[in-house]
Amino acid sequence: MNKNTTKRAALALAAFALLAVAPAQAQDAKPFLGAWKGSLSIMGMELEIRVDFSLDESKQVKGIIDVVTQGAMGVPLGNIEIKDKAITFMIDHPNVPGEPTFKGTLDATGKKISGEFTQSGYAGTFAIEKE
């Protein structure tokens, strides 16, 4: 094999690896996609929330959150990471301080996500169920 053949083979392999990963990400996200509703508890407050996860044009997970109790609707989510039954995401809006972060786990039924919520050094919990 000469250098050009080796480079072409390496590029073909890299392209194949990228194609193989993209559908897997969408597949891994499938149980999380859709509308969820529930509550967030922090500092003695119980806030009604709704979360919606979907796929964008490039098959990456995107999401929005409504904090119904506070009238905040359609707030974008960012840094969404899914690994097996675990999901992590953040509220991604410049007017929301303190890096509000959700770290949850999908239960065995696939219909409930619950876990920890942190913001500005405060910790709480959240639980949402598939609508």
Foldseek 3Di string as FASTA:
>chain_A
DDPVVVVVVVVVVVVVVVVVVLVVQLVLCVLVAAKKWWWWDWPNDIWTKMKHWDADPSSHIWIAMARPVVRRPRFTKDPWDGDRQWIKIFRDDPVAAFTWIFIWGQDPVSFKIKDWIDGNHTIIIIMIGHD
